[in-house]
C-alpha atoms as a PDB file:
ATOM      1  CA  MET A   1       0.000   0.000   0.000  1.00  0.00           C
ATOM      2  CA  CYS A   2       1.250   3.470  -0.864  1.00  0.00           C
ATOM      3  CA  LEU A   3       0.491   6.588   1.119  1.00  0.00           C
ATOM      4  CA  ALA A   4       0.756  10.187  -0.051  1.00  0.00           C
ATOM      5  CA  ILE A   5       0.658  12.927   2.583  1.00  0.00           C
ATOM      6  CA  PRO A   6      -0.609  16.507   2.170  1.00  0.00           C
ATOM      7  CA  GLY A   7       1.641  19.377   3.173  1.00  0.00           C
ATOM      8  CA  ARG A   8       1.983  23.144   2.681  1.00  0.00           C
ATOM      9  CA  VAL A   9       4.750  24.537   0.475  1.00  0.00           C
ATOM     10  CA  THR A  10       6.722  27.083   2.505  1.00  0.00           C
ATOM     11  CA  GLU A  11       9.632  27.722   0.154  1.00  0.00           C
ATOM     12  CA  ILE A  12      10.437  27.136  -3.533  1.00  0.00           C
ATOM     13  CA  TYR A  13      13.949  27.073  -4.988  1.00  0.00           C
ATOM     14  CA  GLU A  14      16.108  25.375  -7.597  1.00  0.00           C
ATOM     15  CA  ASN A  15      18.692  22.722  -6.766  1.00  0.00           C
ATOM     16  CA  ASP A  16      20.901  21.256  -9.519  1.00  0.00           C
ATOM     17  CA  GLY A  17      18.395  22.354 -12.163  1.00  0.00           C
ATOM     18  CA  LEU A  18      15.349  20.850 -10.392  1.00  0.00           C
ATOM     19  CA  LYS A  19      12.434  22.750  -8.877  1.00  0.00           C
ATOM     20  CA  MET A  20      12.546  21.909  -5.168  1.00  0.00           C
ATOM     21  CA  GLY A  21      10.890  23.223  -2.051  1.00  0.00           C
ATOM     22  CA  LYS A  22      10.334  22.948   1.650  1.00  0.00           C
ATOM     23  CA  VAL A  23       6.980  21.435   2.608  1.00  0.00           C
ATOM     24  CA  ASP A  24       5.474  21.614   6.096  1.00  0.00           C
ATOM     25  CA  PHE A  25       3.664  18.477   7.256  1.00  0.00           C
ATOM     26  CA  GLY A  26       1.997  19.765  10.412  1.00  0.00           C
ATOM     27  CA  GLY A  27       5.166  21.098  12.010  1.00  0.00           C
ATOM     28  CA  ILE A  28       7.718  18.833  10.327  1.00  0.00           C
ATOM     29  CA  SER A  29       9.429  20.361   7.306  1.00  0.00           C
ATOM     30  CA  ARG A  30      11.030  18.294   4.541  1.00  0.00           C
ATOM     31  CA  GLU A  31      12.677  18.976   1.204  1.00  0.00           C
ATOM     32  CA  VAL A  32      10.440  17.855  -1.664  1.00  0.00           C
ATOM     33  CA  CYS A  33      10.873  17.717  -5.428  1.00  0.00           C
ATOM     34  CA  LEU A  34       8.302  20.008  -7.080  1.00  0.00           C
ATOM     35  CA  GLU A  35       9.440  19.318 -10.646  1.00  0.00           C
ATOM     36  CA  TYR A  36       6.269  17.415 -11.613  1.00  0.00           C
ATOM     37  CA  LEU A  37       3.988  20.380 -10.887  1.00  0.00           C
ATOM     38  CA  ASP A  38       3.775  23.179 -13.457  1.00  0.00           C
ATOM     39  CA  ALA A  39       1.924  25.843 -11.484  1.00  0.00           C
ATOM     40  CA  ILE A  40       3.052  25.754  -7.869  1.00  0.00           C
ATOM     41  CA  GLU A  41       3.359  28.669  -5.448  1.00  0.00           C
ATOM     42  CA  GLU A  42       4.316  29.096  -1.826  1.00  0.00           C
ATOM     43  CA  ASP A  43       1.404  28.376   0.547  1.00  0.00           C
ATOM     44  CA  ASN A  44      -0.114  25.868  -1.914  1.00  0.00           C
ATOM     45  CA  TYR A  45      -0.970  22.468  -0.485  1.00  0.00           C
ATOM     46  CA  VAL A  46       0.450  19.453  -2.265  1.00  0.00           C
ATOM     47  CA  ILE A  47       0.244  15.678  -2.003  1.00  0.00           C
ATOM     48  CA  VAL A  48       3.708  14.165  -1.503  1.00  0.00           C
ATOM     49  CA  HIS A  49       4.733  10.578  -2.167  1.00  0.00           C
ATOM     50  CA  VAL A  50       8.300   9.396  -1.490  1.00  0.00           C
ATOM     51  CA  GLY A  51       9.692  12.926  -1.692  1.00  0.00           C
ATOM     52  CA  PHE A  52       7.865  14.035  -4.847  1.00  0.00           C
ATOM     53  CA  ALA A  53       4.915  16.435  -4.943  1.00  0.00           C
ATOM     54  CA  ILE A  54       2.440  14.742  -7.265  1.00  0.00           C
ATOM     55  CA  ASN A  55      -0.652  16.948  -7.077  1.00  0.00           C
ATOM     56  CA  VAL A  56      -1.906  20.307  -5.797  1.00  0.00           C
ATOM     57  CA  LEU A  57      -4.810  20.324  -3.321  1.00  0.00           C
ATOM     58  CA  ASP A  58      -7.069  23.087  -2.160  1.00  0.00           C
ATOM     59  CA  GLU A  59      -6.561  24.036   1.486  1.00  0.00           C
ATOM     60  CA  GLU A  60      -9.905  22.651   2.669  1.00  0.00           C
ATOM     61  CA  GLU A  61      -9.245  19.206   1.190  1.00  0.00           C
ATOM     62  CA  ALA A  62      -5.683  19.136   2.555  1.00  0.00           C
ATOM     63  CA  LEU A  63      -6.754  20.061   6.096  1.00  0.00           C
ATOM     64  CA  TYR A  64      -9.577  17.512   5.996  1.00  0.00           C
ATOM     65  CA  THR A  65      -7.133  14.775   4.972  1.00  0.00           C
ATOM     66  CA  LEU A  66      -4.673  15.779   7.708  1.00  0.00           C
ATOM     67  CA  ASP A  67      -7.482  15.603  10.282  1.00  0.00           C
ATOM     68  CA  LEU A  68      -8.400  12.098   9.094  1.00  0.00           C
ATOM     69  CA  LEU A  69      -4.776  10.968   9.402  1.00  0.00           C
ATOM     70  CA  ARG A  70      -4.613  12.358  12.965  1.00  0.00           C
ATOM     71  CA  GLU A  71      -7.787  10.428  13.829  1.00  0.00           C
ATOM     72  CA  LEU A  72      -6.234   7.217  12.494  1.00  0.00           C
ATOM     73  CA  VAL A  73      -3.196   7.711  14.719  1.00  0.00           C
ATOM     74  CA  GLU A  74      -5.436   8.288  17.754  1.00  0.00           C
ATOM     75  CA  ILE A  75      -7.463   5.138  17.016  1.00  0.00           C
ATOM     76  CA  GLU A  76      -4.301   3.099  16.563  1.00  0.00           C
ATOM     77  CA  GLU A  77      -2.965   4.357  19.906  1.00  0.00           C
ATOM     78  CA  GLU A  78      -6.233   3.417  21.630  1.00  0.00           C
ATOM     79  CA  LEU A  79      -6.142  -0.095  20.172  1.00  0.00           C
ATOM     80  CA  GLU A  80      -2.511  -0.825  21.111  1.00  0.00           C
ATOM     81  CA  PRO A  81      -2.240  -3.289  23.944  1.00  0.00           C
ATOM     82  CA  GLU A  82      -0.659  -1.962  27.109  1.00  0.00           C
ATOM     83  CA  GLN A  83       2.827  -3.280  27.769  1.00  0.00           C
END
């Protein structure tokens, strides 16, 4: 199973001829390749899979997805057996 995570583009720059950027995933920032996206601007939300931004999302959809992922983590923590 593959998982792509939404994040907010905070910085765009070029590195060795590739369009790159910093993307914030709820407080954790990572370098991401933005080369596959033609029209991308800072503060856009993107879906990232294995370090590549593969699609632009509107803010509402991105925040909704992030909320769902947080809920999954909470459910998983509740279901873990105590050690």
